[in-house]
Amino acid sequence: NGDWSQYHIHHNDRHWWGTEDQFAQVQQGYE
């Protein structure tokens, strides 16, 4: 869709990488 902001690794609910479990694990570590 041309939206480069979706690639911000934190503060991003687009989930542009990995599985749901991987995303949750990284998010927990960030928090």
PDB file of all heavy atoms in Angstrom:
ATOM      1  N   ASN A   1       0.801  -1.225   0.000  1.00  0.00           N
ATOM      2  CA  ASN A   1       0.000   0.000   0.000  1.00  0.00           C
ATOM      3  C   ASN A   1       0.832   1.273   0.000  1.00  0.00           C
ATOM      4  O   ASN A   1       0.296   2.374   0.103  1.00  0.00           O
ATOM      5  CB  ASN A   1      -0.949   0.004   1.203  1.00  0.00           C
ATOM      6  CG  ASN A   1      -0.215   0.066   2.525  1.00  0.00           C
ATOM      7  OD1 ASN A   1       1.003   0.181   2.566  1.00  0.00           O
ATOM      8  ND2 ASN A   1      -0.958  -0.020   3.606  1.00  0.00           N
ATOM      9  N   GLY A   2       2.158   1.144  -0.082  1.00  0.00           N
ATOM     10  CA  GLY A   2       3.026   2.310  -0.149  1.00  0.00           C
ATOM     11  C   GLY A   2       3.321   2.969   1.185  1.00  0.00           C
ATOM     12  O   GLY A   2       3.975   4.001   1.235  1.00  0.00           O
ATOM     13  N   ASP A   3       2.864   2.390   2.280  1.00  0.00           N
ATOM     14  CA  ASP A   3       3.046   2.984   3.598  1.00  0.00           C
ATOM     15  C   ASP A   3       4.313   2.453   4.250  1.00  0.00           C
ATOM     16  O   ASP A   3       4.319   1.394   4.857  1.00  0.00           O
ATOM     17  CB  ASP A   3       1.830   2.693   4.474  1.00  0.00           C
ATOM     18  CG  ASP A   3       1.933   3.282   5.862  1.00  0.00           C
ATOM     19  OD1 ASP A   3       2.888   4.047   6.125  1.00  0.00           O
ATOM     20  OD2 ASP A   3       1.056   2.978   6.684  1.00  0.00           O
ATOM     21  N   TRP A   4       5.410   3.219   4.156  1.00  0.00           N
ATOM     22  CA  TRP A   4       6.680   2.786   4.723  1.00  0.00           C
ATOM     23  C   TRP A   4       6.659   2.795   6.243  1.00  0.00           C
ATOM     24  O   TRP A   4       7.470   2.127   6.881  1.00  0.00           O
ATOM     25  CB  TRP A   4       7.821   3.654   4.201  1.00  0.00           C
ATOM     26  CG  TRP A   4       8.152   3.321   2.793  1.00  0.00           C
ATOM     27  CD1 TRP A   4       7.813   4.041   1.683  1.00  0.00           C
ATOM     28  CD2 TRP A   4       8.828   2.160   2.309  1.00  0.00           C
ATOM     29  NE1 TRP A   4       8.254   3.409   0.549  1.00  0.00           N
ATOM     30  CE2 TRP A   4       8.888   2.250   0.904  1.00  0.00           C
ATOM     31  CE3 TRP A   4       9.397   1.050   2.925  1.00  0.00           C
ATOM     32  CZ2 TRP A   4       9.489   1.287   0.116  1.00  0.00           C
ATOM     33  CZ3 TRP A   4      10.001   0.095   2.124  1.00  0.00           C
ATOM     34  CH2 TRP A   4      10.049   0.211   0.742  1.00  0.00           C
ATOM     35  N   SER A   5       5.747   3.520   6.866  1.00  0.00           N
ATOM     36  CA  SER A   5       5.704   3.551   8.329  1.00  0.00           C
ATOM     37  C   SER A   5       5.353   2.194   8.919  1.00  0.00           C
ATOM     38  O   SER A   5       5.627   1.942  10.090  1.00  0.00           O
ATOM     39  CB  SER A   5       4.713   4.605   8.819  1.00  0.00           C
ATOM     40  OG  SER A   5       3.378   4.220   8.535  1.00  0.00           O
ATOM     41  N   GLN A   6       4.797   1.309   8.125  1.00  0.00           N
ATOM     42  CA  GLN A   6       4.439  -0.012   8.633  1.00  0.00           C
ATOM     43  C   GLN A   6       5.669  -0.857   8.962  1.00  0.00           C
ATOM     44  O   GLN A   6       5.553  -1.906   9.570  1.00  0.00           O
ATOM     45  CB  GLN A   6       3.549  -0.745   7.654  1.00  0.00           C
ATOM     46  CG  GLN A   6       4.241  -1.149   6.367  1.00  0.00           C
ATOM     47  CD  GLN A   6       3.275  -1.718   5.352  1.00  0.00           C
ATOM     48  OE1 GLN A   6       2.111  -1.934   5.657  1.00  0.00           O
ATOM     49  NE2 GLN A   6       3.740  -1.955   4.155  1.00  0.00           N
ATOM     50  N   TYR A   7       6.851  -0.393   8.601  1.00  0.00           N
ATOM     51  CA  TYR A   7       8.059  -1.167   8.866  1.00  0.00           C
ATOM     52  C   TYR A   7       8.732  -0.815  10.178  1.00  0.00           C
ATOM     53  O   TYR A   7       9.782  -1.339  10.483  1.00  0.00           O
ATOM     54  CB  TYR A   7       9.046  -1.020   7.710  1.00  0.00           C
ATOM     55  CG  TYR A   7       8.530  -1.712   6.490  1.00  0.00           C
ATOM     56  CD1 TYR A   7       7.982  -0.987   5.449  1.00  0.00           C
ATOM     57  CD2 TYR A   7       8.548  -3.085   6.405  1.00  0.00           C
ATOM     58  CE1 TYR A   7       7.474  -1.623   4.341  1.00  0.00           C
ATOM     59  CE2 TYR A   7       8.039  -3.738   5.300  1.00  0.00           C
ATOM     60  CZ  TYR A   7       7.517  -2.999   4.269  1.00  0.00           C
ATOM     61  OH  TYR A   7       7.007  -3.630   3.193  1.00  0.00           O
ATOM     62  N   HIS A   8       8.166   0.065  10.975  1.00  0.00           N
ATOM     63  CA  HIS A   8       8.745   0.369  12.281  1.00  0.00           C
ATOM     64  C   HIS A   8       8.594  -0.879  13.144  1.00  0.00           C
ATOM     65  O   HIS A   8       7.497  -1.406  13.310  1.00  0.00           O
ATOM     66  CB  HIS A   8       8.015   1.555  12.917  1.00  0.00           C
ATOM     67  CG  HIS A   8       8.718   2.107  14.089  1.00  0.00           C
ATOM     68  ND1 HIS A   8       8.682   1.499  15.314  1.00  0.00           N
ATOM     69  CD2 HIS A   8       9.501   3.198  14.215  1.00  0.00           C
ATOM     70  CE1 HIS A   8       9.406   2.201  16.157  1.00  0.00           C
ATOM     71  NE2 HIS A   8       9.913   3.239  15.528  1.00  0.00           N
ATOM     72  N   ILE A   9       9.704  -1.360  13.697  1.00  0.00           N
ATOM     73  CA  ILE A   9       9.654  -2.644  14.414  1.00  0.00           C
ATOM     74  C   ILE A   9       8.899  -2.571  15.727  1.00  0.00           C
ATOM     75  O   ILE A   9       8.313  -3.536  16.178  1.00  0.00           O
ATOM     76  CB  ILE A   9      11.063  -3.215  14.618  1.00  0.00           C
ATOM     77  CG1 ILE A   9      10.967  -4.674  15.032  1.00  0.00           C
ATOM     78  CG2 ILE A   9      11.852  -2.388  15.617  1.00  0.00           C
ATOM     79  CD1 ILE A   9      12.213  -5.457  14.893  1.00  0.00           C
ATOM     80  N   HIS A  10       8.908  -1.411  16.388  1.00  0.00           N
ATOM     81  CA  HIS A  10       8.179  -1.243  17.639  1.00  0.00           C
ATOM     82  C   HIS A  10       7.015  -0.295  17.407  1.00  0.00           C
ATOM     83  O   HIS A  10       7.018   0.499  16.479  1.00  0.00           O
ATOM     84  CB  HIS A  10       9.088  -0.692  18.729  1.00  0.00           C
ATOM     85  CG  HIS A  10      10.255  -1.580  19.001  1.00  0.00           C
ATOM     86  ND1 HIS A  10      10.114  -2.870  19.463  1.00  0.00           N
ATOM     87  CD2 HIS A  10      11.580  -1.386  18.850  1.00  0.00           C
ATOM     88  CE1 HIS A  10      11.294  -3.417  19.597  1.00  0.00           C
ATOM     89  NE2 HIS A  10      12.202  -2.549  19.231  1.00  0.00           N
ATOM     90  N   HIS A  11       6.044  -0.349  18.255  1.00  0.00           N
ATOM     91  CA  HIS A  11       4.866   0.512  18.150  1.00  0.00           C
ATOM     92  C   HIS A  11       4.174   0.290  16.812  1.00  0.00           C
ATOM     93  O   HIS A  11       3.758   1.226  16.150  1.00  0.00           O
ATOM     94  CB  HIS A  11       5.235   1.993  18.300  1.00  0.00           C
ATOM     95  CG  HIS A  11       6.174   2.252  19.421  1.00  0.00           C
ATOM     96  ND1 HIS A  11       5.817   2.052  20.738  1.00  0.00           N
ATOM     97  CD2 HIS A  11       7.462   2.665  19.435  1.00  0.00           C
ATOM     98  CE1 HIS A  11       6.855   2.340  21.503  1.00  0.00           C
ATOM     99  NE2 HIS A  11       7.857   2.709  20.745  1.00  0.00           N
ATOM    100  N   ASN A  12       4.071  -0.934  16.405  1.00  0.00           N
ATOM    101  CA  ASN A  12       3.525  -1.239  15.094  1.00  0.00           C
ATOM    102  C   ASN A  12       2.636  -2.471  15.210  1.00  0.00           C
ATOM    103  O   ASN A  12       3.116  -3.549  15.527  1.00  0.00           O
ATOM    104  CB  ASN A  12       4.679  -1.513  14.123  1.00  0.00           C
ATOM    105  CG  ASN A  12       4.208  -1.776  12.720  1.00  0.00           C
ATOM    106  OD1 ASN A  12       3.042  -2.066  12.494  1.00  0.00           O
ATOM    107  ND2 ASN A  12       5.105  -1.683  11.768  1.00  0.00           N
ATOM    108  N   ASP A  13       1.364  -2.308  14.936  1.00  0.00           N
ATOM    109  CA  ASP A  13       0.452  -3.453  15.029  1.00  0.00           C
ATOM    110  C   ASP A  13       0.244  -4.144  13.691  1.00  0.00           C
ATOM    111  O   ASP A  13      -0.589  -5.016  13.563  1.00  0.00           O
ATOM    112  CB  ASP A  13      -0.884  -3.021  15.619  1.00  0.00           C
ATOM    113  CG  ASP A  13      -1.592  -1.989  14.773  1.00  0.00           C
ATOM    114  OD1 ASP A  13      -1.075  -1.606  13.704  1.00  0.00           O
ATOM    115  OD2 ASP A  13      -2.678  -1.558  15.197  1.00  0.00           O
ATOM    116  N   ARG A  14       1.009  -3.769  12.660  1.00  0.00           N
ATOM    117  CA  ARG A  14       0.866  -4.400  11.342  1.00  0.00           C
ATOM    118  C   ARG A  14       1.435  -5.807  11.317  1.00  0.00           C
ATOM    119  O   ARG A  14       1.083  -6.595  10.463  1.00  0.00           O
ATOM    120  CB  ARG A  14       1.555  -3.561  10.263  1.00  0.00           C
ATOM    121  CG  ARG A  14       0.914  -2.246  10.012  1.00  0.00           C
ATOM    122  CD  ARG A  14       0.044  -2.161   8.840  1.00  0.00           C
ATOM    123  NE  ARG A  14       0.508  -2.924   7.710  1.00  0.00           N
ATOM    124  CZ  ARG A  14      -0.285  -3.259   6.735  1.00  0.00           C
ATOM    125  NH1 ARG A  14      -1.532  -2.901   6.741  1.00  0.00           N
ATOM    126  NH2 ARG A  14       0.166  -3.944   5.721  1.00  0.00           N
ATOM    127  N   HIS A  15       2.348  -6.106  12.218  1.00  0.00           N
ATOM    128  CA  HIS A  15       2.951  -7.442  12.281  1.00  0.00           C
ATOM    129  C   HIS A  15       3.475  -7.854  10.919  1.00  0.00           C
ATOM    130  O   HIS A  15       2.953  -8.743  10.273  1.00  0.00           O
ATOM    131  CB  HIS A  15       1.926  -8.454  12.808  1.00  0.00           C
ATOM    132  CG  HIS A  15       2.477  -9.833  12.926  1.00  0.00           C
ATOM    133  ND1 HIS A  15       1.676 -10.918  13.068  1.00  0.00           N
ATOM    134  CD2 HIS A  15       3.734 -10.311  12.913  1.00  0.00           C
ATOM    135  CE1 HIS A  15       2.408 -12.013  13.131  1.00  0.00           C
ATOM    136  NE2 HIS A  15       3.667 -11.651  13.047  1.00  0.00           N
ATOM    137  N   TRP A  16       4.552  -7.203  10.500  1.00  0.00           N
ATOM    138  CA  TRP A  16       5.092  -7.420   9.159  1.00  0.00           C
ATOM    139  C   TRP A  16       6.145  -8.511   9.084  1.00  0.00           C
ATOM    140  O   TRP A  16       6.713  -8.739   8.028  1.00  0.00           O
ATOM    141  CB  TRP A  16       5.645  -6.122   8.573  1.00  0.00           C
ATOM    142  CG  TRP A  16       6.619  -5.381   9.420  1.00  0.00           C
ATOM    143  CD1 TRP A  16       6.337  -4.353  10.274  1.00  0.00           C
ATOM    144  CD2 TRP A  16       8.018  -5.587   9.513  1.00  0.00           C
ATOM    145  NE1 TRP A  16       7.476  -3.915  10.885  1.00  0.00           N
ATOM    146  CE2 TRP A  16       8.530  -4.658  10.440  1.00  0.00           C
ATOM    147  CE3 TRP A  16       8.913  -6.479   8.921  1.00  0.00           C
ATOM    148  CZ2 TRP A  16       9.864  -4.585  10.771  1.00  0.00           C
ATOM    149  CZ3 TRP A  16      10.249  -6.412   9.252  1.00  0.00           C
ATOM    150  CH2 TRP A  16      10.711  -5.461  10.160  1.00  0.00           C
ATOM    151  N   TRP A  17       6.423  -9.194  10.195  1.00  0.00           N
ATOM    152  CA  TRP A  17       7.445 -10.235  10.168  1.00  0.00           C
ATOM    153  C   TRP A  17       7.065 -11.371  11.115  1.00  0.00           C
ATOM    154  O   TRP A  17       6.363 -11.166  12.085  1.00  0.00           O
ATOM    155  CB  TRP A  17       8.807  -9.657  10.593  1.00  0.00           C
ATOM    156  CG  TRP A  17       8.739  -9.028  11.933  1.00  0.00           C
ATOM    157  CD1 TRP A  17       8.417  -7.731  12.211  1.00  0.00           C
ATOM    158  CD2 TRP A  17       8.889  -9.670  13.189  1.00  0.00           C
ATOM    159  NE1 TRP A  17       8.382  -7.539  13.561  1.00  0.00           N
ATOM    160  CE2 TRP A  17       8.668  -8.703  14.194  1.00  0.00           C
ATOM    161  CE3 TRP A  17       9.191 -10.961  13.580  1.00  0.00           C
ATOM    162  CZ2 TRP A  17       8.753  -8.999  15.540  1.00  0.00           C
ATOM    163  CZ3 TRP A  17       9.268 -11.243  14.923  1.00  0.00           C
ATOM    164  CH2 TRP A  17       9.062 -10.258  15.884  1.00  0.00           C
ATOM    165  N   GLY A  18       7.545 -12.550  10.831  1.00  0.00           N
ATOM    166  CA  GLY A  18       7.436 -13.700  11.723  1.00  0.00           C
ATOM    167  C   GLY A  18       6.035 -14.218  11.985  1.00  0.00           C
ATOM    168  O   GLY A  18       5.051 -13.761  11.430  1.00  0.00           O
ATOM    169  N   THR A  19       5.994 -15.178  12.884  1.00  0.00           N
ATOM    170  CA  THR A  19       4.722 -15.784  13.280  1.00  0.00           C
ATOM    171  C   THR A  19       4.120 -14.984  14.428  1.00  0.00           C
ATOM    172  O   THR A  19       4.782 -14.132  15.024  1.00  0.00           O
ATOM    173  CB  THR A  19       4.951 -17.232  13.766  1.00  0.00           C
ATOM    174  OG1 THR A  19       5.731 -17.191  14.974  1.00  0.00           O
ATOM    175  CG2 THR A  19       5.653 -18.085  12.713  1.00  0.00           C
ATOM    176  N   GLU A  20       2.901 -15.287  14.777  1.00  0.00           N
ATOM    177  CA  GLU A  20       2.246 -14.618  15.909  1.00  0.00           C
ATOM    178  C   GLU A  20       3.031 -14.852  17.203  1.00  0.00           C
ATOM    179  O   GLU A  20       3.208 -13.935  18.004  1.00  0.00           O
ATOM    180  CB  GLU A  20       0.812 -15.121  16.077  1.00  0.00           C
ATOM    181  CG  GLU A  20      -0.122 -14.728  14.958  1.00  0.00           C
ATOM    182  CD  GLU A  20      -0.416 -13.236  14.927  1.00  0.00           C
ATOM    183  OE1 GLU A  20      -0.355 -12.580  15.988  1.00  0.00           O
ATOM    184  OE2 GLU A  20      -0.699 -12.732  13.834  1.00  0.00           O
ATOM    185  N   ASP A  21       3.518 -16.082  17.401  1.00  0.00           N
ATOM    186  CA  ASP A  21       4.293 -16.393  18.611  1.00  0.00           C
ATOM    187  C   ASP A  21       5.607 -15.619  18.651  1.00  0.00           C
ATOM    188  O   ASP A  21       5.999 -15.102  19.697  1.00  0.00           O
ATOM    189  CB  ASP A  21       4.567 -17.889  18.715  1.00  0.00           C
ATOM    190  CG  ASP A  21       3.336 -18.697  19.075  1.00  0.00           C
ATOM    191  OD1 ASP A  21       2.355 -18.103  19.589  1.00  0.00           O
ATOM    192  OD2 ASP A  21       3.350 -19.917  18.846  1.00  0.00           O
ATOM    193  N   GLN A  22       6.309 -15.542  17.520  1.00  0.00           N
ATOM    194  CA  GLN A  22       7.558 -14.793  17.466  1.00  0.00           C
ATOM    195  C   GLN A  22       7.309 -13.312  17.746  1.00  0.00           C
ATOM    196  O   GLN A  22       8.061 -12.676  18.492  1.00  0.00           O
ATOM    197  CB  GLN A  22       8.226 -14.961  16.103  1.00  0.00           C
ATOM    198  CG  GLN A  22       8.782 -16.347  15.874  1.00  0.00           C
ATOM    199  CD  GLN A  22       9.181 -16.562  14.441  1.00  0.00           C
ATOM    200  OE1 GLN A  22       8.608 -15.987  13.514  1.00  0.00           O
ATOM    201  NE2 GLN A  22      10.170 -17.419  14.241  1.00  0.00           N
ATOM    202  N   PHE A  23       6.275 -12.771  17.157  1.00  0.00           N
ATOM    203  CA  PHE A  23       5.930 -11.361  17.359  1.00  0.00           C
ATOM    204  C   PHE A  23       5.632 -11.105  18.835  1.00  0.00           C
ATOM    205  O   PHE A  23       6.120 -10.138  19.419  1.00  0.00           O
ATOM    206  CB  PHE A  23       4.734 -10.989  16.484  1.00  0.00           C
ATOM    207  CG  PHE A  23       4.420  -9.529  16.488  1.00  0.00           C
ATOM    208  CD1 PHE A  23       5.114  -8.656  15.670  1.00  0.00           C
ATOM    209  CD2 PHE A  23       3.419  -9.021  17.303  1.00  0.00           C
ATOM    210  CE1 PHE A  23       4.827  -7.303  15.663  1.00  0.00           C
ATOM    211  CE2 PHE A  23       3.120  -7.672  17.307  1.00  0.00           C
ATOM    212  CZ  PHE A  23       3.824  -6.810  16.486  1.00  0.00           C
ATOM    213  N   ALA A  24       4.867 -11.974  19.455  1.00  0.00           N
ATOM    214  CA  ALA A  24       4.524 -11.816  20.873  1.00  0.00           C
ATOM    215  C   ALA A  24       5.764 -11.907  21.757  1.00  0.00           C
ATOM    216  O   ALA A  24       5.909 -11.149  22.714  1.00  0.00           O
ATOM    217  CB  ALA A  24       3.501 -12.876  21.284  1.00  0.00           C
ATOM    218  N   GLN A  25       6.667 -12.807  21.423  1.00  0.00           N
ATOM    219  CA  GLN A  25       7.885 -12.972  22.208  1.00  0.00           C
ATOM    220  C   GLN A  25       8.756 -11.718  22.128  1.00  0.00           C
ATOM    221  O   GLN A  25       9.258 -11.239  23.151  1.00  0.00           O
ATOM    222  CB  GLN A  25       8.666 -14.189  21.718  1.00  0.00           C
ATOM    223  CG  GLN A  25       9.901 -14.487  22.523  1.00  0.00           C
ATOM    224  CD  GLN A  25      10.621 -15.738  22.038  1.00  0.00           C
ATOM    225  OE1 GLN A  25      10.328 -16.277  20.975  1.00  0.00           O
ATOM    226  NE2 GLN A  25      11.572 -16.189  22.807  1.00  0.00           N
ATOM    227  N   VAL A  26       8.942 -11.168  20.946  1.00  0.00           N
ATOM    228  CA  VAL A  26       9.749  -9.958  20.805  1.00  0.00           C
ATOM    229  C   VAL A  26       9.066  -8.780  21.478  1.00  0.00           C
ATOM    230  O   VAL A  26       9.700  -7.970  22.141  1.00  0.00           O
ATOM    231  CB  VAL A  26      10.060  -9.671  19.321  1.00  0.00           C
ATOM    232  CG1 VAL A  26      10.656  -8.282  19.138  1.00  0.00           C
ATOM    233  CG2 VAL A  26      11.008 -10.724  18.779  1.00  0.00           C
ATOM    234  N   GLN A  27       7.748  -8.673  21.329  1.00  0.00           N
ATOM    235  CA  GLN A  27       7.015  -7.588  21.975  1.00  0.00           C
ATOM    236  C   GLN A  27       7.164  -7.663  23.493  1.00  0.00           C
ATOM    237  O   GLN A  27       7.383  -6.647  24.152  1.00  0.00           O
ATOM    238  CB  GLN A  27       5.537  -7.632  21.587  1.00  0.00           C
ATOM    239  CG  GLN A  27       4.718  -6.487  22.144  1.00  0.00           C
ATOM    240  CD  GLN A  27       5.156  -5.134  21.618  1.00  0.00           C
ATOM    241  OE1 GLN A  27       5.656  -5.006  20.512  1.00  0.00           O
ATOM    242  NE2 GLN A  27       4.984  -4.106  22.426  1.00  0.00           N
ATOM    243  N   GLN A  28       7.088  -8.855  24.059  1.00  0.00           N
ATOM    244  CA  GLN A  28       7.256  -9.027  25.498  1.00  0.00           C
ATOM    245  C   GLN A  28       8.667  -8.595  25.920  1.00  0.00           C
ATOM    246  O   GLN A  28       8.838  -7.907  26.928  1.00  0.00           O
ATOM    247  CB  GLN A  28       6.999 -10.471  25.900  1.00  0.00           C
ATOM    248  CG  GLN A  28       7.158 -10.704  27.394  1.00  0.00           C
ATOM    249  CD  GLN A  28       6.966 -12.165  27.772  1.00  0.00           C
ATOM    250  OE1 GLN A  28       7.063 -13.070  26.945  1.00  0.00           O
ATOM    251  NE2 GLN A  28       6.696 -12.402  29.034  1.00  0.00           N
ATOM    252  N   GLY A  29       9.667  -8.984  25.154  1.00  0.00           N
ATOM    253  CA  GLY A  29      11.037  -8.581  25.467  1.00  0.00           C
ATOM    254  C   GLY A  29      11.208  -7.075  25.401  1.00  0.00           C
ATOM    255  O   GLY A  29      11.879  -6.475  26.253  1.00  0.00           O
ATOM    256  N   TYR A  30      10.604  -6.453  24.405  1.00  0.00           N
ATOM    257  CA  TYR A  30      10.676  -4.995  24.284  1.00  0.00           C
ATOM    258  C   TYR A  30      10.023  -4.327  25.497  1.00  0.00           C
ATOM    259  O   TYR A  30      10.567  -3.370  26.052  1.00  0.00           O
ATOM    260  CB  TYR A  30       9.994  -4.543  22.993  1.00  0.00           C
ATOM    261  CG  TYR A  30       9.885  -3.044  22.890  1.00  0.00           C
ATOM    262  CD1 TYR A  30      10.999  -2.271  22.582  1.00  0.00           C
ATOM    263  CD2 TYR A  30       8.684  -2.404  23.120  1.00  0.00           C
ATOM    264  CE1 TYR A  30      10.908  -0.900  22.501  1.00  0.00           C
ATOM    265  CE2 TYR A  30       8.581  -1.025  23.047  1.00  0.00           C
ATOM    266  CZ  TYR A  30       9.705  -0.280  22.737  1.00  0.00           C
ATOM    267  OH  TYR A  30       9.609   1.082  22.660  1.00  0.00           O
ATOM    268  N   GLU A  31       8.884  -4.824  25.913  1.00  0.00           N
ATOM    269  CA  GLU A  31       8.187  -4.242  27.065  1.00  0.00           C
ATOM    270  C   GLU A  31       9.006  -4.406  28.346  1.00  0.00           C
ATOM    271  O   GLU A  31       9.052  -3.499  29.180  1.00  0.00           O
ATOM    272  CB  GLU A  31       6.799  -4.855  27.205  1.00  0.00           C
ATOM    273  CG  GLU A  31       5.862  -4.409  26.097  1.00  0.00           C
ATOM    274  CD  GLU A  31       4.562  -5.185  26.037  1.00  0.00           C
ATOM    275  OE1 GLU A  31       4.321  -6.045  26.914  1.00  0.00           O
ATOM    276  OE2 GLU A  31       3.787  -4.941  25.088  1.00  0.00           O
TER     277      GLU A  31
END
